[in-house]
Amino acid sequence: MNKLSIRKIALIGLGFSLAGVVVYLSLMTAKVVSGVSVTVDTPDYVVRLRVLDAGAGDAREIAKEIRPYLEPDFEVRIVETSVFEVRDLPRSFIITHESDKNTAEMLSERLGLNPNEVIYKSLTYNNTQASATIVAGLDFDSLLSLVSLQEN
């Protein structure tokens, strides 16, 4: 084969490739223009929670228990479960790590806690980007039972 025929073959191959790209882009443009859309129900609030046990039991179990009480309005992401530094606290409470307390107050209300008692405290090292912390005290199980009764 001489140089001229190799160039012709390369140009023909390049031409087919370019034509393929043009056809593909045309099809994608037609799809977008024709209005292909998907409606997805999204939760109103995304909450990144730390769950700390202060006498209510295992923090991981508490995290599992609260999820049904918060969905579908809240998308809950448990970012940490641990033990609170004080044990056997008689009352549960919520600490918000965002200056706007609104979401934490709604969260508090949903769990049967007093929304006026939400505490604001920024975290020094918030590497989990937690937006709120639930400190589950001795009253936590009874709170969830009351919320469950009120919903029924």
N, C-alpha and C. Protein backbone atom coordinates (compact mmCIF):
# COMPACT_ATOMS: atom_id res chain seq x y z
N MET A 1 0.84 -1.18 0.00
CA MET A 1 0.00 0.00 0.00
C MET A 1 0.88 1.24 0.00
N ASN A 2 0.46 2.18 -0.76
CA ASN A 2 1.24 3.40 -0.78
C ASN A 2 0.63 4.43 0.18
N LYS A 3 1.32 5.55 0.34
CA LYS A 3 0.91 6.58 1.29
C LYS A 3 -0.44 7.18 0.94
N LEU A 4 -0.74 7.27 -0.33
CA LEU A 4 -2.00 7.87 -0.78
C LEU A 4 -3.19 7.03 -0.36
N SER A 5 -3.11 5.71 -0.48
CA SER A 5 -4.24 4.86 -0.10
C SER A 5 -4.41 4.81 1.42
N ILE A 6 -3.33 4.91 2.18
CA ILE A 6 -3.44 4.94 3.65
C ILE A 6 -4.14 6.23 4.08
N ARG A 7 -3.82 7.33 3.45
CA ARG A 7 -4.49 8.60 3.76
C ARG A 7 -5.99 8.53 3.45
N LYS A 8 -6.32 7.93 2.29
CA LYS A 8 -7.73 7.80 1.91
C LYS A 8 -8.49 6.98 2.95
N ILE A 9 -7.90 5.86 3.37
CA ILE A 9 -8.56 5.00 4.36
C ILE A 9 -8.72 5.74 5.69
N ALA A 10 -7.68 6.49 6.08
CA ALA A 10 -7.75 7.26 7.33
C ALA A 10 -8.82 8.33 7.24
N LEU A 11 -8.92 9.03 6.12
CA LEU A 11 -9.93 10.08 5.95
C LEU A 11 -11.34 9.49 5.94
N ILE A 12 -11.51 8.35 5.29
CA ILE A 12 -12.83 7.70 5.27
C ILE A 12 -13.22 7.28 6.68
N GLY A 13 -12.28 6.70 7.44
CA GLY A 13 -12.54 6.29 8.83
C GLY A 13 -12.89 7.49 9.71
N LEU A 14 -12.15 8.57 9.52
CA LEU A 14 -12.42 9.80 10.27
C LEU A 14 -13.80 10.36 9.91
N GLY A 15 -14.15 10.29 8.64
CA GLY A 15 -15.46 10.77 8.19
C GLY A 15 -16.60 9.98 8.82
N PHE A 16 -16.46 8.64 8.86
CA PHE A 16 -17.49 7.80 9.49
C PHE A 16 -17.59 8.09 10.99
N SER A 17 -16.46 8.28 11.63
CA SER A 17 -16.46 8.59 13.07
C SER A 17 -17.18 9.90 13.33
N LEU A 18 -16.87 10.91 12.53
CA LEU A 18 -17.50 12.21 12.68
C LEU A 18 -19.01 12.11 12.43
N ALA A 19 -19.39 11.35 11.43
CA ALA A 19 -20.82 11.16 11.14
C ALA A 19 -21.51 10.47 12.32
N GLY A 20 -20.86 9.49 12.93
CA GLY A 20 -21.42 8.79 14.09
C GLY A 20 -21.63 9.74 15.26
N VAL A 21 -20.67 10.62 15.51
CA VAL A 21 -20.79 11.59 16.59
C VAL A 21 -21.94 12.54 16.32
N VAL A 22 -22.07 13.01 15.09
CA VAL A 22 -23.16 13.92 14.74
C VAL A 22 -24.52 13.26 14.94
N VAL A 23 -24.66 12.00 14.54
CA VAL A 23 -25.92 11.27 14.71
C VAL A 23 -26.24 11.12 16.21
N TYR A 24 -25.25 10.74 16.99
CA TYR A 24 -25.44 10.56 18.44
C TYR A 24 -25.88 11.86 19.10
N LEU A 25 -25.19 12.96 18.78
CA LEU A 25 -25.56 14.26 19.36
C LEU A 25 -26.96 14.69 18.93
N SER A 26 -27.33 14.38 17.70
CA SER A 26 -28.67 14.72 17.21
C SER A 26 -29.75 13.97 18.01
N LEU A 27 -29.51 12.68 18.25
CA LEU A 27 -30.47 11.88 19.02
C LEU A 27 -30.60 12.39 20.46
N MET A 28 -29.48 12.74 21.08
CA MET A 28 -29.51 13.24 22.45
C MET A 28 -30.23 14.59 22.52
N THR A 29 -29.99 15.44 21.56
CA THR A 29 -30.66 16.75 21.51
C THR A 29 -32.16 16.56 21.34
N ALA A 30 -32.57 15.65 20.47
CA ALA A 30 -33.99 15.38 20.27
C ALA A 30 -34.63 14.87 21.55
N LYS A 31 -33.92 14.05 22.31
CA LYS A 31 -34.45 13.51 23.55
C LYS A 31 -34.66 14.62 24.58
N VAL A 32 -33.68 15.52 24.69
CA VAL A 32 -33.77 16.62 25.66
C VAL A 32 -34.87 17.59 25.26
N VAL A 33 -34.94 17.92 23.99
CA VAL A 33 -35.93 18.88 23.52
C VAL A 33 -37.35 18.33 23.66
N SER A 34 -37.52 17.02 23.51
CA SER A 34 -38.86 16.44 23.58
C SER A 34 -39.40 16.41 25.01
N GLY A 35 -38.60 16.79 25.98
CA GLY A 35 -39.11 16.95 27.34
C GLY A 35 -39.13 15.69 28.18
N VAL A 36 -38.12 14.89 28.09
CA VAL A 36 -38.04 13.71 28.95
C VAL A 36 -37.73 14.20 30.35
N SER A 37 -38.63 13.93 31.30
CA SER A 37 -38.38 14.36 32.67
C SER A 37 -38.93 13.33 33.63
N VAL A 38 -38.33 13.30 34.78
CA VAL A 38 -38.75 12.37 35.82
C VAL A 38 -39.03 13.18 37.07
N THR A 39 -40.19 12.97 37.66
CA THR A 39 -40.53 13.65 38.89
C THR A 39 -40.17 12.75 40.06
N VAL A 40 -39.37 13.30 40.96
CA VAL A 40 -38.94 12.54 42.12
C VAL A 40 -39.39 13.27 43.36
N ASP A 41 -40.07 12.56 44.25
CA ASP A 41 -40.46 13.16 45.52
C ASP A 41 -39.24 13.21 46.42
N THR A 42 -38.91 14.41 46.82
CA THR A 42 -37.77 14.56 47.71
C THR A 42 -38.25 15.04 49.07
N PRO A 43 -37.55 14.69 50.12
CA PRO A 43 -37.95 15.14 51.44
C PRO A 43 -37.76 16.65 51.57
N ASP A 44 -38.52 17.24 52.48
CA ASP A 44 -38.44 18.69 52.69
C ASP A 44 -37.12 19.09 53.35
N TYR A 45 -36.59 18.23 54.20
CA TYR A 45 -35.40 18.58 54.97
C TYR A 45 -34.41 17.41 55.00
N VAL A 46 -33.14 17.73 54.86
CA VAL A 46 -32.09 16.74 55.01
C VAL A 46 -31.40 17.03 56.33
N VAL A 47 -31.37 16.02 57.20
CA VAL A 47 -30.78 16.20 58.53
C VAL A 47 -29.66 15.18 58.70
N ARG A 48 -28.50 15.69 59.03
CA ARG A 48 -27.35 14.83 59.34
C ARG A 48 -27.27 14.77 60.86
N LEU A 49 -27.60 13.60 61.42
CA LEU A 49 -27.77 13.46 62.86
C LEU A 49 -26.64 12.73 63.55
N ARG A 50 -26.32 13.24 64.71
CA ARG A 50 -25.51 12.51 65.68
C ARG A 50 -26.51 12.01 66.72
N VAL A 51 -26.43 10.76 67.09
CA VAL A 51 -27.32 10.21 68.11
C VAL A 51 -26.45 9.79 69.29
N LEU A 52 -26.70 10.43 70.44
CA LEU A 52 -25.92 10.14 71.63
C LEU A 52 -26.82 9.54 72.69
N ASP A 53 -26.39 8.46 73.28
CA ASP A 53 -27.15 7.77 74.32
C ASP A 53 -26.78 8.36 75.68
N ALA A 54 -27.81 8.79 76.41
CA ALA A 54 -27.60 9.32 77.76
C ALA A 54 -28.47 8.54 78.74
N GLY A 55 -28.67 7.26 78.46
CA GLY A 55 -29.45 6.41 79.35
C GLY A 55 -30.59 5.68 78.69
N ALA A 56 -30.84 5.95 77.41
CA ALA A 56 -31.98 5.33 76.73
C ALA A 56 -31.67 3.95 76.18
N GLY A 57 -30.43 3.59 76.08
CA GLY A 57 -30.06 2.29 75.51
C GLY A 57 -28.94 2.45 74.52
N ASP A 58 -28.86 1.55 73.55
CA ASP A 58 -27.81 1.58 72.54
C ASP A 58 -28.10 2.67 71.51
N ALA A 59 -27.13 3.53 71.26
CA ALA A 59 -27.31 4.65 70.33
C ALA A 59 -27.65 4.17 68.92
N ARG A 60 -27.09 3.05 68.49
CA ARG A 60 -27.40 2.54 67.15
C ARG A 60 -28.85 2.11 67.05
N GLU A 61 -29.35 1.48 68.09
CA GLU A 61 -30.76 1.07 68.12
C GLU A 61 -31.68 2.29 68.13
N ILE A 62 -31.30 3.30 68.89
CA ILE A 62 -32.09 4.54 68.94
C ILE A 62 -32.16 5.15 67.55
N ALA A 63 -31.03 5.17 66.85
CA ALA A 63 -30.99 5.73 65.49
C ALA A 63 -31.95 4.99 64.57
N LYS A 64 -32.03 3.67 64.70
CA LYS A 64 -32.96 2.88 63.88
C LYS A 64 -34.41 3.18 64.24
N GLU A 65 -34.66 3.37 65.55
CA GLU A 65 -36.04 3.60 66.02
C GLU A 65 -36.60 4.93 65.56
N ILE A 66 -35.78 5.97 65.51
CA ILE A 66 -36.33 7.29 65.21
C ILE A 66 -36.60 7.52 63.73
N ARG A 67 -35.94 6.78 62.87
CA ARG A 67 -36.09 7.01 61.43
C ARG A 67 -37.55 6.99 60.96
N PRO A 68 -38.39 6.01 61.34
CA PRO A 68 -39.77 6.00 60.86
C PRO A 68 -40.60 7.21 61.34
N TYR A 69 -40.22 7.79 62.46
CA TYR A 69 -40.95 8.95 62.97
C TYR A 69 -40.64 10.22 62.18
N LEU A 70 -39.53 10.22 61.47
CA LEU A 70 -39.09 11.42 60.78
C LEU A 70 -39.36 11.40 59.28
N GLU A 71 -39.42 10.23 58.68
CA GLU A 71 -39.66 10.13 57.25
C GLU A 71 -41.14 10.28 56.97
N PRO A 72 -41.59 10.77 55.88
CA PRO A 72 -40.89 11.16 54.66
C PRO A 72 -40.47 12.63 54.63
N ASP A 73 -40.87 13.43 55.66
CA ASP A 73 -40.54 14.87 55.62
C ASP A 73 -39.05 15.14 55.80
N PHE A 74 -38.39 14.28 56.53
CA PHE A 74 -36.96 14.46 56.79
C PHE A 74 -36.19 13.31 56.13
N GLU A 75 -35.14 13.66 55.44
CA GLU A 75 -34.20 12.63 55.00
C GLU A 75 -33.12 12.58 56.07
N VAL A 76 -33.08 11.47 56.78
CA VAL A 76 -32.20 11.34 57.93
C VAL A 76 -30.94 10.59 57.53
N ARG A 77 -29.82 11.20 57.82
CA ARG A 77 -28.52 10.54 57.63
C ARG A 77 -27.84 10.51 58.99
N ILE A 78 -27.71 9.32 59.53
CA ILE A 78 -27.05 9.17 60.82
C ILE A 78 -25.54 9.20 60.55
N VAL A 79 -24.87 10.20 61.10
CA VAL A 79 -23.45 10.36 60.82
C VAL A 79 -22.57 9.89 61.99
N GLU A 80 -23.20 9.73 63.17
CA GLU A 80 -22.42 9.27 64.33
C GLU A 80 -23.36 8.74 65.39
N THR A 81 -22.98 7.66 66.02
CA THR A 81 -23.68 7.16 67.20
C THR A 81 -22.64 6.95 68.28
N SER A 82 -22.97 7.42 69.48
CA SER A 82 -22.00 7.35 70.56
C SER A 82 -22.71 7.46 71.89
N VAL A 83 -21.92 7.54 72.95
CA VAL A 83 -22.45 7.68 74.31
C VAL A 83 -22.19 9.12 74.76
N PHE A 84 -23.21 9.75 75.32
CA PHE A 84 -23.10 11.11 75.83
C PHE A 84 -22.22 11.11 77.07
N GLU A 85 -21.53 12.23 77.32
CA GLU A 85 -20.59 12.25 78.44
C GLU A 85 -21.28 12.16 79.81
N VAL A 86 -22.56 12.48 79.88
CA VAL A 86 -23.31 12.36 81.13
C VAL A 86 -24.30 11.21 80.97
N ARG A 87 -24.34 10.31 81.93
CA ARG A 87 -25.23 9.15 81.86
C ARG A 87 -26.49 9.41 82.68
N ASP A 88 -27.53 8.67 82.38
CA ASP A 88 -28.80 8.69 83.11
C ASP A 88 -29.43 10.08 83.18
N LEU A 89 -29.44 10.78 82.07
CA LEU A 89 -30.15 12.06 82.00
C LEU A 89 -31.65 11.77 82.01
N PRO A 90 -32.40 12.47 82.83
CA PRO A 90 -33.84 12.19 82.89
C PRO A 90 -34.60 12.61 81.63
N ARG A 91 -34.12 13.68 80.94
CA ARG A 91 -34.85 14.19 79.78
C ARG A 91 -33.97 14.23 78.53
N SER A 92 -34.59 13.90 77.41
CA SER A 92 -33.92 13.95 76.11
C SER A 92 -33.97 15.38 75.58
N PHE A 93 -33.04 15.72 74.72
CA PHE A 93 -33.04 17.05 74.10
C PHE A 93 -32.28 17.02 72.79
N ILE A 94 -32.40 18.11 72.04
CA ILE A 94 -31.74 18.22 70.73
C ILE A 94 -30.81 19.43 70.76
N ILE A 95 -29.63 19.21 70.21
CA ILE A 95 -28.66 20.29 70.02
C ILE A 95 -28.56 20.53 68.52
N THR A 96 -28.75 21.77 68.09
CA THR A 96 -28.58 22.10 66.68
C THR A 96 -27.19 22.69 66.49
N HIS A 97 -26.60 22.38 65.35
CA HIS A 97 -25.27 22.90 65.05
C HIS A 97 -25.33 23.93 63.93
N GLU A 98 -26.54 24.36 63.63
CA GLU A 98 -26.76 25.40 62.61
C GLU A 98 -27.42 26.59 63.30
N SER A 99 -27.05 27.79 62.90
CA SER A 99 -27.59 28.98 63.56
C SER A 99 -29.11 29.10 63.37
N ASP A 100 -29.63 28.58 62.27
CA ASP A 100 -31.08 28.56 62.05
C ASP A 100 -31.65 27.33 62.75
N LYS A 101 -32.41 27.56 63.81
CA LYS A 101 -32.94 26.46 64.62
C LYS A 101 -34.20 25.81 64.05
N ASN A 102 -34.73 26.34 62.98
CA ASN A 102 -36.03 25.91 62.46
C ASN A 102 -36.13 24.41 62.23
N THR A 103 -35.17 23.83 61.51
CA THR A 103 -35.22 22.39 61.21
C THR A 103 -35.12 21.57 62.49
N ALA A 104 -34.24 21.95 63.39
CA ALA A 104 -34.08 21.22 64.65
C ALA A 104 -35.34 21.33 65.51
N GLU A 105 -36.01 22.46 65.47
CA GLU A 105 -37.26 22.61 66.23
C GLU A 105 -38.35 21.71 65.67
N MET A 106 -38.43 21.61 64.35
CA MET A 106 -39.42 20.71 63.73
C MET A 106 -39.08 19.26 64.05
N LEU A 107 -37.82 18.93 64.02
CA LEU A 107 -37.35 17.60 64.38
C LEU A 107 -37.73 17.28 65.82
N SER A 108 -37.52 18.24 66.69
CA SER A 108 -37.85 18.10 68.11
C SER A 108 -39.34 17.85 68.31
N GLU A 109 -40.14 18.64 67.62
CA GLU A 109 -41.59 18.49 67.72
C GLU A 109 -42.04 17.12 67.23
N ARG A 110 -41.45 16.65 66.14
CA ARG A 110 -41.81 15.36 65.57
C ARG A 110 -41.51 14.22 66.53
N LEU A 111 -40.46 14.38 67.35
CA LEU A 111 -40.08 13.33 68.30
C LEU A 111 -40.74 13.50 69.67
N GLY A 112 -41.63 14.49 69.80
CA GLY A 112 -42.34 14.67 71.07
C GLY A 112 -41.57 15.48 72.09
N LEU A 113 -40.52 16.15 71.66
CA LEU A 113 -39.75 17.01 72.56
C LEU A 113 -40.25 18.44 72.44
N ASN A 114 -39.90 19.26 73.42
CA ASN A 114 -40.31 20.66 73.40
C ASN A 114 -39.39 21.43 72.45
N PRO A 115 -39.95 21.99 71.37
CA PRO A 115 -39.11 22.71 70.39
C PRO A 115 -38.44 23.96 70.98
N ASN A 116 -39.00 24.50 72.05
CA ASN A 116 -38.40 25.68 72.67
C ASN A 116 -37.14 25.35 73.45
N GLU A 117 -36.88 24.08 73.66
CA GLU A 117 -35.70 23.67 74.42
C GLU A 117 -34.54 23.21 73.53
N VAL A 118 -34.63 23.49 72.24
CA VAL A 118 -33.53 23.15 71.34
C VAL A 118 -32.37 24.09 71.66
N ILE A 119 -31.20 23.51 71.80
CA ILE A 119 -29.99 24.25 72.16
C ILE A 119 -29.13 24.43 70.92
N TYR A 120 -28.56 25.63 70.76
CA TYR A 120 -27.61 25.85 69.67
C TYR A 120 -26.20 25.76 70.23
N LYS A 121 -25.39 24.93 69.58
CA LYS A 121 -23.98 24.83 69.93
C LYS A 121 -23.23 24.38 68.69
N SER A 122 -22.29 25.20 68.25
CA SER A 122 -21.50 24.80 67.08
C SER A 122 -20.48 23.77 67.54
N LEU A 123 -20.13 22.88 66.62
CA LEU A 123 -19.12 21.87 66.91
C LEU A 123 -17.76 22.39 66.45
N THR A 124 -16.77 22.24 67.30
CA THR A 124 -15.42 22.70 66.96
C THR A 124 -14.88 21.92 65.77
N TYR A 125 -14.96 20.62 65.84
CA TYR A 125 -14.48 19.76 64.76
C TYR A 125 -15.66 18.98 64.20
N ASN A 126 -16.44 19.62 63.36
CA ASN A 126 -17.64 19.00 62.79
C ASN A 126 -17.27 18.32 61.48
N ASN A 127 -16.36 17.34 61.55
CA ASN A 127 -15.92 16.66 60.33
C ASN A 127 -17.00 15.77 59.73
N THR A 128 -18.05 15.44 60.47
CA THR A 128 -19.16 14.65 59.92
C THR A 128 -20.24 15.56 59.34
N GLN A 129 -20.07 16.87 59.50
CA GLN A 129 -21.04 17.87 59.03
C GLN A 129 -22.43 17.63 59.60
N ALA A 130 -22.47 17.26 60.87
CA ALA A 130 -23.75 17.03 61.55
C ALA A 130 -24.51 18.34 61.66
N SER A 131 -25.81 18.27 61.39
CA SER A 131 -26.65 19.46 61.53
C SER A 131 -27.34 19.49 62.89
N ALA A 132 -27.48 18.33 63.53
CA ALA A 132 -28.12 18.27 64.85
C ALA A 132 -27.66 17.03 65.60
N THR A 133 -27.82 17.09 66.91
CA THR A 133 -27.51 15.95 67.78
C THR A 133 -28.72 15.65 68.63
N ILE A 134 -29.13 14.40 68.67
CA ILE A 134 -30.18 13.97 69.59
C ILE A 134 -29.50 13.32 70.77
N VAL A 135 -29.77 13.86 71.96
CA VAL A 135 -29.27 13.26 73.19
C VAL A 135 -30.46 12.53 73.81
N ALA A 136 -30.41 11.21 73.76
CA ALA A 136 -31.54 10.38 74.18
C ALA A 136 -31.39 10.01 75.65
N GLY A 137 -32.24 10.61 76.48
CA GLY A 137 -32.21 10.36 77.92
C GLY A 137 -33.13 9.21 78.31
N LEU A 138 -33.37 9.12 79.60
CA LEU A 138 -34.18 8.03 80.14
C LEU A 138 -35.62 8.06 79.65
N ASP A 139 -36.11 9.24 79.27
CA ASP A 139 -37.50 9.39 78.84
C ASP A 139 -37.71 9.08 77.35
N PHE A 140 -36.68 8.75 76.63
CA PHE A 140 -36.76 8.66 75.17
C PHE A 140 -37.78 7.63 74.68
N ASP A 141 -37.77 6.43 75.24
CA ASP A 141 -38.72 5.39 74.79
C ASP A 141 -40.16 5.82 75.04
N SER A 142 -40.42 6.46 76.19
CA SER A 142 -41.79 6.89 76.47
C SER A 142 -42.21 8.02 75.53
N LEU A 143 -41.27 8.86 75.12
CA LEU A 143 -41.59 9.91 74.14
C LEU A 143 -42.03 9.31 72.82
N LEU A 144 -41.28 8.33 72.34
CA LEU A 144 -41.64 7.69 71.08
C LEU A 144 -42.98 6.97 71.17
N SER A 145 -43.27 6.38 72.34
CA SER A 145 -44.57 5.73 72.54
C SER A 145 -45.70 6.74 72.46
N LEU A 146 -45.51 7.91 73.08
CA LEU A 146 -46.53 8.97 73.03
C LEU A 146 -46.74 9.47 71.60
N VAL A 147 -45.67 9.68 70.89
CA VAL A 147 -45.77 10.14 69.50
C VAL A 147 -46.51 9.11 68.67
N SER A 148 -46.22 7.83 68.90
CA SER A 148 -46.88 6.75 68.17
C SER A 148 -48.38 6.73 68.47
N LEU A 149 -48.76 6.94 69.72
CA LEU A 149 -50.18 6.98 70.09
C LEU A 149 -50.88 8.18 69.45
N GLN A 150 -50.22 9.32 69.42
CA GLN A 150 -50.83 10.53 68.84
C GLN A 150 -51.04 10.39 67.35
N GLU A 151 -50.16 9.66 66.67
CA GLU A 151 -50.32 9.46 65.23
C GLU A 151 -51.47 8.55 64.90
N ASN A 152 -51.80 7.62 65.81
CA ASN A 152 -52.90 6.67 65.55
C ASN A 152 -54.18 7.22 66.01
